[in-house]
PDB file of N, CA and C in Angstrom:
ATOM      1  N   MET A   1      90.806 130.349  78.188  1.00  0.00           N
ATOM      2  CA  MET A   1      91.214 128.982  77.952  1.00  0.00           C
ATOM      3  C   MET A   1      89.960 128.136  77.707  1.00  0.00           C
ATOM      4  N   VAL A   2      89.987 127.366  76.654  1.00  0.00           N
ATOM      5  CA  VAL A   2      88.871 126.511  76.282  1.00  0.00           C
ATOM      6  C   VAL A   2      89.242 125.068  76.596  1.00  0.00           C
ATOM      7  N   THR A   3      88.344 124.406  77.301  1.00  0.00           N
ATOM      8  CA  THR A   3      88.573 122.998  77.623  1.00  0.00           C
ATOM      9  C   THR A   3      87.695 122.156  76.721  1.00  0.00           C
ATOM     10  N   ALA A   4      88.308 121.253  75.998  1.00  0.00           N
ATOM     11  CA  ALA A   4      87.555 120.369  75.115  1.00  0.00           C
ATOM     12  C   ALA A   4      87.040 119.177  75.915  1.00  0.00           C
ATOM     13  N   THR A   5      85.803 118.840  75.663  1.00  0.00           N
ATOM     14  CA  THR A   5      85.216 117.676  76.306  1.00  0.00           C
ATOM     15  C   THR A   5      85.390 116.484  75.377  1.00  0.00           C
ATOM     16  N   VAL A   6      85.982 115.449  75.886  1.00  0.00           N
ATOM     17  CA  VAL A   6      86.183 114.247  75.095  1.00  0.00           C
ATOM     18  C   VAL A   6      85.031 113.296  75.386  1.00  0.00           C
ATOM     19  N   ASP A   7      84.311 112.938  74.347  1.00  0.00           N
ATOM     20  CA  ASP A   7      83.197 112.013  74.493  1.00  0.00           C
ATOM     21  C   ASP A   7      83.739 110.602  74.305  1.00  0.00           C
ATOM     22  N   ARG A   8      83.867 109.907  75.400  1.00  0.00           N
ATOM     23  CA  ARG A   8      84.389 108.552  75.342  1.00  0.00           C
ATOM     24  C   ARG A   8      83.244 107.566  75.499  1.00  0.00           C
ATOM     25  N   THR A   9      83.274 106.544  74.695  1.00  0.00           N
ATOM     26  CA  THR A   9      82.276 105.496  74.750  1.00  0.00           C
ATOM     27  C   THR A   9      82.952 104.234  75.250  1.00  0.00           C
ATOM     28  N   TYR A  10      82.317 103.600  76.209  1.00  0.00           N
ATOM     29  CA  TYR A  10      82.881 102.398  76.808  1.00  0.00           C
ATOM     30  C   TYR A  10      82.019 101.194  76.480  1.00  0.00           C
ATOM     31  N   GLU A  11      82.636 100.025  76.603  1.00  0.00           N
ATOM     32  CA  GLU A  11      81.926  98.780  76.424  1.00  0.00           C
ATOM     33  C   GLU A  11      82.409  97.776  77.453  1.00  0.00           C
ATOM     34  N   ILE A  12      81.525  96.878  77.804  1.00  0.00           N
ATOM     35  CA  ILE A  12      81.873  95.799  78.714  1.00  0.00           C
ATOM     36  C   ILE A  12      81.910  94.530  77.869  1.00  0.00           C
ATOM     37  N   ARG A  13      82.998  93.809  77.996  1.00  0.00           N
ATOM     38  CA  ARG A  13      83.225  92.644  77.141  1.00  0.00           C
ATOM     39  C   ARG A  13      83.321  91.376  77.972  1.00  0.00           C
ATOM     40  N   PHE A  14      82.494  90.406  77.628  1.00  0.00           N
ATOM     41  CA  PHE A  14      82.516  89.082  78.252  1.00  0.00           C
ATOM     42  C   PHE A  14      83.198  88.129  77.271  1.00  0.00           C
ATOM     43  N   ARG A  15      84.420  87.722  77.559  1.00  0.00           N
ATOM     44  CA  ARG A  15      85.157  86.797  76.695  1.00  0.00           C
ATOM     45  C   ARG A  15      84.668  85.378  76.959  1.00  0.00           C
ATOM     46  N   SER A  16      84.455  84.621  75.902  1.00  0.00           N
ATOM     47  CA  SER A  16      83.978  83.245  76.032  1.00  0.00           C
ATOM     48  C   SER A  16      85.092  82.352  76.560  1.00  0.00           C
ATOM     49  N   LEU A  17      84.759  81.505  77.516  1.00  0.00           N
ATOM     50  CA  LEU A  17      85.695  80.497  78.007  1.00  0.00           C
ATOM     51  C   LEU A  17      85.521  79.183  77.257  1.00  0.00           C
ATOM     52  N   VAL A  18      84.462  79.100  76.448  1.00  0.00           N
ATOM     53  CA  VAL A  18      84.132  77.870  75.737  1.00  0.00           C
ATOM     54  C   VAL A  18      84.661  77.895  74.305  1.00  0.00           C
ATOM     55  N   LYS A  19      84.438  79.005  73.607  1.00  0.00           N
ATOM     56  CA  LYS A  19      84.863  79.125  72.212  1.00  0.00           C
ATOM     57  C   LYS A  19      85.844  80.276  72.080  1.00  0.00           C
ATOM     58  N   GLU A  20      87.083  79.968  71.823  1.00  0.00           N
ATOM     59  CA  GLU A  20      88.132  80.980  71.684  1.00  0.00           C
ATOM     60  C   GLU A  20      87.763  81.984  70.600  1.00  0.00           C
ATOM     61  N   GLY A  21      87.952  83.247  70.892  1.00  0.00           N
ATOM     62  CA  GLY A  21      87.665  84.302  69.928  1.00  0.00           C
ATOM     63  C   GLY A  21      86.223  84.758  69.909  1.00  0.00           C
ATOM     64  N   ARG A  22      85.392  84.149  70.735  1.00  0.00           N
ATOM     65  CA  ARG A  22      83.988  84.541  70.811  1.00  0.00           C
ATOM     66  C   ARG A  22      83.734  85.264  72.120  1.00  0.00           C
ATOM     67  N   GLY A  23      82.690  85.999  72.160  1.00  0.00           N
ATOM     68  CA  GLY A  23      82.311  86.708  73.374  1.00  0.00           C
ATOM     69  C   GLY A  23      81.148  87.631  73.089  1.00  0.00           C
ATOM     70  N   LEU A  24      80.765  88.369  74.104  1.00  0.00           N
ATOM     71  CA  LEU A  24      79.661  89.313  73.985  1.00  0.00           C
ATOM     72  C   LEU A  24      80.112  90.672  74.487  1.00  0.00           C
ATOM     73  N   THR A  25      79.690  91.720  73.813  1.00  0.00           N
ATOM     74  CA  THR A  25      80.070  93.083  74.148  1.00  0.00           C
ATOM     75  C   THR A  25      78.823  93.961  74.196  1.00  0.00           C
ATOM     76  N   PHE A  26      78.787  94.848  75.207  1.00  0.00           N
ATOM     77  CA  PHE A  26      77.632  95.717  75.410  1.00  0.00           C
ATOM     78  C   PHE A  26      78.104  97.121  75.760  1.00  0.00           C
ATOM     79  N   PRO A  27      77.368  98.159  75.335  1.00  0.00           N
ATOM     80  CA  PRO A  27      77.725  99.527  75.722  1.00  0.00           C
ATOM     81  C   PRO A  27      77.523  99.719  77.218  1.00  0.00           C
ATOM     82  N   CYS A  28      78.414 100.515  77.829  1.00  0.00           N
ATOM     83  CA  CYS A  28      78.314 100.767  79.269  1.00  0.00           C
ATOM     84  C   CYS A  28      78.953 102.112  79.582  1.00  0.00           C
ATOM     85  N   ASP A  29      78.899 102.501  80.856  1.00  0.00           N
ATOM     86  CA  ASP A  29      79.610 103.710  81.275  1.00  0.00           C
ATOM     87  C   ASP A  29      81.018 103.305  81.718  1.00  0.00           C
ATOM     88  N   MET A  30      81.800 104.276  82.140  1.00  0.00           N
ATOM     89  CA  MET A  30      83.197 103.983  82.483  1.00  0.00           C
ATOM     90  C   MET A  30      83.340 103.069  83.703  1.00  0.00           C
ATOM     91  N   ASP A  31      82.265 102.900  84.466  1.00  0.00           N
ATOM     92  CA  ASP A  31      82.291 102.008  85.626  1.00  0.00           C
ATOM     93  C   ASP A  31      81.735 100.622  85.307  1.00  0.00           C
ATOM     94  N   GLY A  32      81.321 100.399  84.060  1.00  0.00           N
ATOM     95  CA  GLY A  32      80.812  99.093  83.654  1.00  0.00           C
ATOM     96  C   GLY A  32      79.326  98.904  83.837  1.00  0.00           C
ATOM     97  N   HIS A  33      78.602  99.985  84.129  1.00  0.00           N
ATOM     98  CA  HIS A  33      77.150  99.889  84.300  1.00  0.00           C
ATOM     99  C   HIS A  33      76.463  99.929  82.933  1.00  0.00           C
ATOM    100  N   VAL A  34      75.635  98.941  82.693  1.00  0.00           N
ATOM    101  CA  VAL A  34      74.904  98.832  81.430  1.00  0.00           C
ATOM    102  C   VAL A  34      73.481  99.346  81.640  1.00  0.00           C
ATOM    103  N   ASN A  35      73.017 100.202  80.747  1.00  0.00           N
ATOM    104  CA  ASN A  35      71.643 100.698  80.786  1.00  0.00           C
ATOM    105  C   ASN A  35      70.764  99.663  80.087  1.00  0.00           C
ATOM    106  N   LEU A  36      70.133  98.798  80.867  1.00  0.00           N
ATOM    107  CA  LEU A  36      69.334  97.716  80.306  1.00  0.00           C
ATOM    108  C   LEU A  36      68.178  98.229  79.454  1.00  0.00           C
ATOM    109  N   ASP A  37      67.636  99.397  79.797  1.00  0.00           N
ATOM    110  CA  ASP A  37      66.518  99.961  79.036  1.00  0.00           C
ATOM    111  C   ASP A  37      66.918 100.366  77.624  1.00  0.00           C
ATOM    112  N   SER A  38      68.201 100.605  77.396  1.00  0.00           N
ATOM    113  CA  SER A  38      68.653 101.029  76.072  1.00  0.00           C
ATOM    114  C   SER A  38      68.958  99.844  75.150  1.00  0.00           C
ATOM    115  N   LEU A  39      68.971  98.633  75.699  1.00  0.00           N
ATOM    116  CA  LEU A  39      69.286  97.448  74.902  1.00  0.00           C
ATOM    117  C   LEU A  39      68.029  96.879  74.256  1.00  0.00           C
ATOM    118  N   SER A  40      68.211  96.243  73.112  1.00  0.00           N
ATOM    119  CA  SER A  40      67.099  95.514  72.500  1.00  0.00           C
ATOM    120  C   SER A  40      66.788  94.299  73.384  1.00  0.00           C
ATOM    121  N   ASP A  41      65.657  93.677  73.144  1.00  0.00           N
ATOM    122  CA  ASP A  41      65.296  92.489  73.930  1.00  0.00           C
ATOM    123  C   ASP A  41      66.360  91.399  73.800  1.00  0.00           C
ATOM    124  N   ALA A  42      66.832  91.184  72.579  1.00  0.00           N
ATOM    125  CA  ALA A  42      67.845  90.144  72.350  1.00  0.00           C
ATOM    126  C   ALA A  42      69.149  90.482  73.069  1.00  0.00           C
ATOM    127  N   ALA A  43      69.598  91.742  72.966  1.00  0.00           N
ATOM    128  CA  ALA A  43      70.834  92.150  73.628  1.00  0.00           C
ATOM    129  C   ALA A  43      70.696  92.062  75.147  1.00  0.00           C
ATOM    130  N   ARG A  44      69.542  92.471  75.668  1.00  0.00           N
ATOM    131  CA  ARG A  44      69.305  92.384  77.120  1.00  0.00           C
ATOM    132  C   ARG A  44      69.367  90.926  77.580  1.00  0.00           C
ATOM    133  N   ASN A  45      68.746  90.024  76.836  1.00  0.00           N
ATOM    134  CA  ASN A  45      68.790  88.604  77.174  1.00  0.00           C
ATOM    135  C   ASN A  45      70.223  88.066  77.123  1.00  0.00           C
ATOM    136  N   ASN A  46      70.975  88.461  76.106  1.00  0.00           N
ATOM    137  CA  ASN A  46      72.375  88.035  75.995  1.00  0.00           C
ATOM    138  C   ASN A  46      73.217  88.566  77.154  1.00  0.00           C
ATOM    139  N   TYR A  47      72.978  89.817  77.544  1.00  0.00           N
ATOM    140  CA  TYR A  47      73.721  90.404  78.667  1.00  0.00           C
ATOM    141  C   TYR A  47      73.428  89.643  79.963  1.00  0.00           C
ATOM    142  N   LEU A  48      72.163  89.387  80.229  1.00  0.00           N
ATOM    143  CA  LEU A  48      71.791  88.667  81.442  1.00  0.00           C
ATOM    144  C   LEU A  48      72.321  87.234  81.416  1.00  0.00           C
ATOM    145  N   TYR A  49      72.337  86.629  80.245  1.00  0.00           N
ATOM    146  CA  TYR A  49      72.889  85.284  80.065  1.00  0.00           C
ATOM    147  C   TYR A  49      74.386  85.279  80.387  1.00  0.00           C
ATOM    148  N   ALA A  50      75.124  86.240  79.826  1.00  0.00           N
ATOM    149  CA  ALA A  50      76.572  86.316  80.073  1.00  0.00           C
ATOM    150  C   ALA A  50      76.860  86.554  81.550  1.00  0.00           C
ATOM    151  N   ARG A  51      76.093  87.422  82.189  1.00  0.00           N
ATOM    152  CA  ARG A  51      76.283  87.667  83.629  1.00  0.00           C
ATOM    153  C   ARG A  51      76.022  86.412  84.446  1.00  0.00           C
ATOM    154  N   ALA A  52      74.977  85.672  84.074  1.00  0.00           N
ATOM    155  CA  ALA A  52      74.614  84.465  84.827  1.00  0.00           C
ATOM    156  C   ALA A  52      75.662  83.363  84.682  1.00  0.00           C
ATOM    157  N   LEU A  53      76.323  83.317  83.535  1.00  0.00           N
ATOM    158  CA  LEU A  53      77.298  82.256  83.281  1.00  0.00           C
ATOM    159  C   LEU A  53      78.743  82.724  83.421  1.00  0.00           C
ATOM    160  N   ARG A  54      78.930  83.869  84.063  1.00  0.00           N
ATOM    161  CA  ARG A  54      80.283  84.382  84.328  1.00  0.00           C
ATOM    162  C   ARG A  54      81.012  83.383  85.223  1.00  0.00           C
ATOM    163  N   GLY A  55      82.217  83.020  84.819  1.00  0.00           N
ATOM    164  CA  GLY A  55      83.002  82.045  85.559  1.00  0.00           C
ATOM    165  C   GLY A  55      82.802  80.625  85.071  1.00  0.00           C
ATOM    166  N   ARG A  56      81.771  80.415  84.299  1.00  0.00           N
ATOM    167  CA  ARG A  56      81.501  79.084  83.746  1.00  0.00           C
ATOM    168  C   ARG A  56      81.708  79.086  82.231  1.00  0.00           C
ATOM    169  N   ASP A  57      80.925  79.898  81.527  1.00  0.00           N
ATOM    170  CA  ASP A  57      81.058  80.002  80.076  1.00  0.00           C
ATOM    171  C   ASP A  57      81.731  81.297  79.639  1.00  0.00           C
ATOM    172  N   PHE A  58      81.729  82.297  80.531  1.00  0.00           N
ATOM    173  CA  PHE A  58      82.311  83.596  80.204  1.00  0.00           C
ATOM    174  C   PHE A  58      83.274  84.034  81.302  1.00  0.00           C
ATOM    175  N   ALA A  59      84.352  84.700  80.881  1.00  0.00           N
ATOM    176  CA  ALA A  59      85.320  85.240  81.830  1.00  0.00           C
ATOM    177  C   ALA A  59      84.735  86.458  82.535  1.00  0.00           C
ATOM    178  N   THR A  60      85.360  86.859  83.617  1.00  0.00           N
ATOM    179  CA  THR A  60      84.968  88.102  84.283  1.00  0.00           C
ATOM    180  C   THR A  60      85.054  89.218  83.257  1.00  0.00           C
ATOM    181  N   PRO A  61      84.013  90.034  83.136  1.00  0.00           N
ATOM    182  CA  PRO A  61      84.004  91.053  82.082  1.00  0.00           C
ATOM    183  C   PRO A  61      85.043  92.142  82.310  1.00  0.00           C
ATOM    184  N   ALA A  62      85.449  92.737  81.196  1.00  0.00           N
ATOM    185  CA  ALA A  62      86.409  93.837  81.226  1.00  0.00           C
ATOM    186  C   ALA A  62      85.773  95.059  80.580  1.00  0.00           C
ATOM    187  N   VAL A  63      85.969  96.220  81.202  1.00  0.00           N
ATOM    188  CA  VAL A  63      85.481  97.488  80.646  1.00  0.00           C
ATOM    189  C   VAL A  63      86.625  98.108  79.849  1.00  0.00           C
ATOM    190  N   GLN A  64      86.313  98.569  78.644  1.00  0.00           N
ATOM    191  CA  GLN A  64      87.333  99.178  77.796  1.00  0.00           C
ATOM    192  C   GLN A  64      86.698 100.264  76.944  1.00  0.00           C
ATOM    193  N   LEU A  65      87.542 101.097  76.367  1.00  0.00           N
ATOM    194  CA  LEU A  65      87.041 102.083  75.421  1.00  0.00           C
ATOM    195  C   LEU A  65      86.504 101.361  74.211  1.00  0.00           C
ATOM    196  N   SER A  66      85.392 101.837  73.728  1.00  0.00           N
ATOM    197  CA  SER A  66      84.769 101.212  72.563  1.00  0.00           C
ATOM    198  C   SER A  66      85.579 101.515  71.309  1.00  0.00           C
ATOM    199  N   GLY A  67      85.587 100.561  70.418  1.00  0.00           N
ATOM    200  CA  GLY A  67      86.267 100.756  69.148  1.00  0.00           C
ATOM    201  C   GLY A  67      85.434 101.574  68.176  1.00  0.00           C
ATOM    202  N   ALA A  68      84.151 101.736  68.466  1.00  0.00           N
ATOM    203  CA  ALA A  68      83.244 102.497  67.588  1.00  0.00           C
ATOM    204  C   ALA A  68      83.091 103.906  68.127  1.00  0.00           C
ATOM    205  N   HIS A  69      83.942 104.813  67.690  1.00  0.00           N
ATOM    206  CA  HIS A  69      83.867 106.216  68.140  1.00  0.00           C
ATOM    207  C   HIS A  69      83.100 107.002  67.136  1.00  0.00           C
TER     208      HIS A  69
END
């Protein structure tokens, strides 16, 4: 019996509370952990910004399967 390994890619999404339809999305593991070392400087700054403004400018983030498989 052969078991296929499914490679799933996850993302953490911060929905904007200020501008409808806007938000920030970052690659993560299935538990929502983001590897900061793998992000560009701009993406890392955006991630830290979204985390800092969670509840004010951004909703609590949601982890989901990435649309880019």
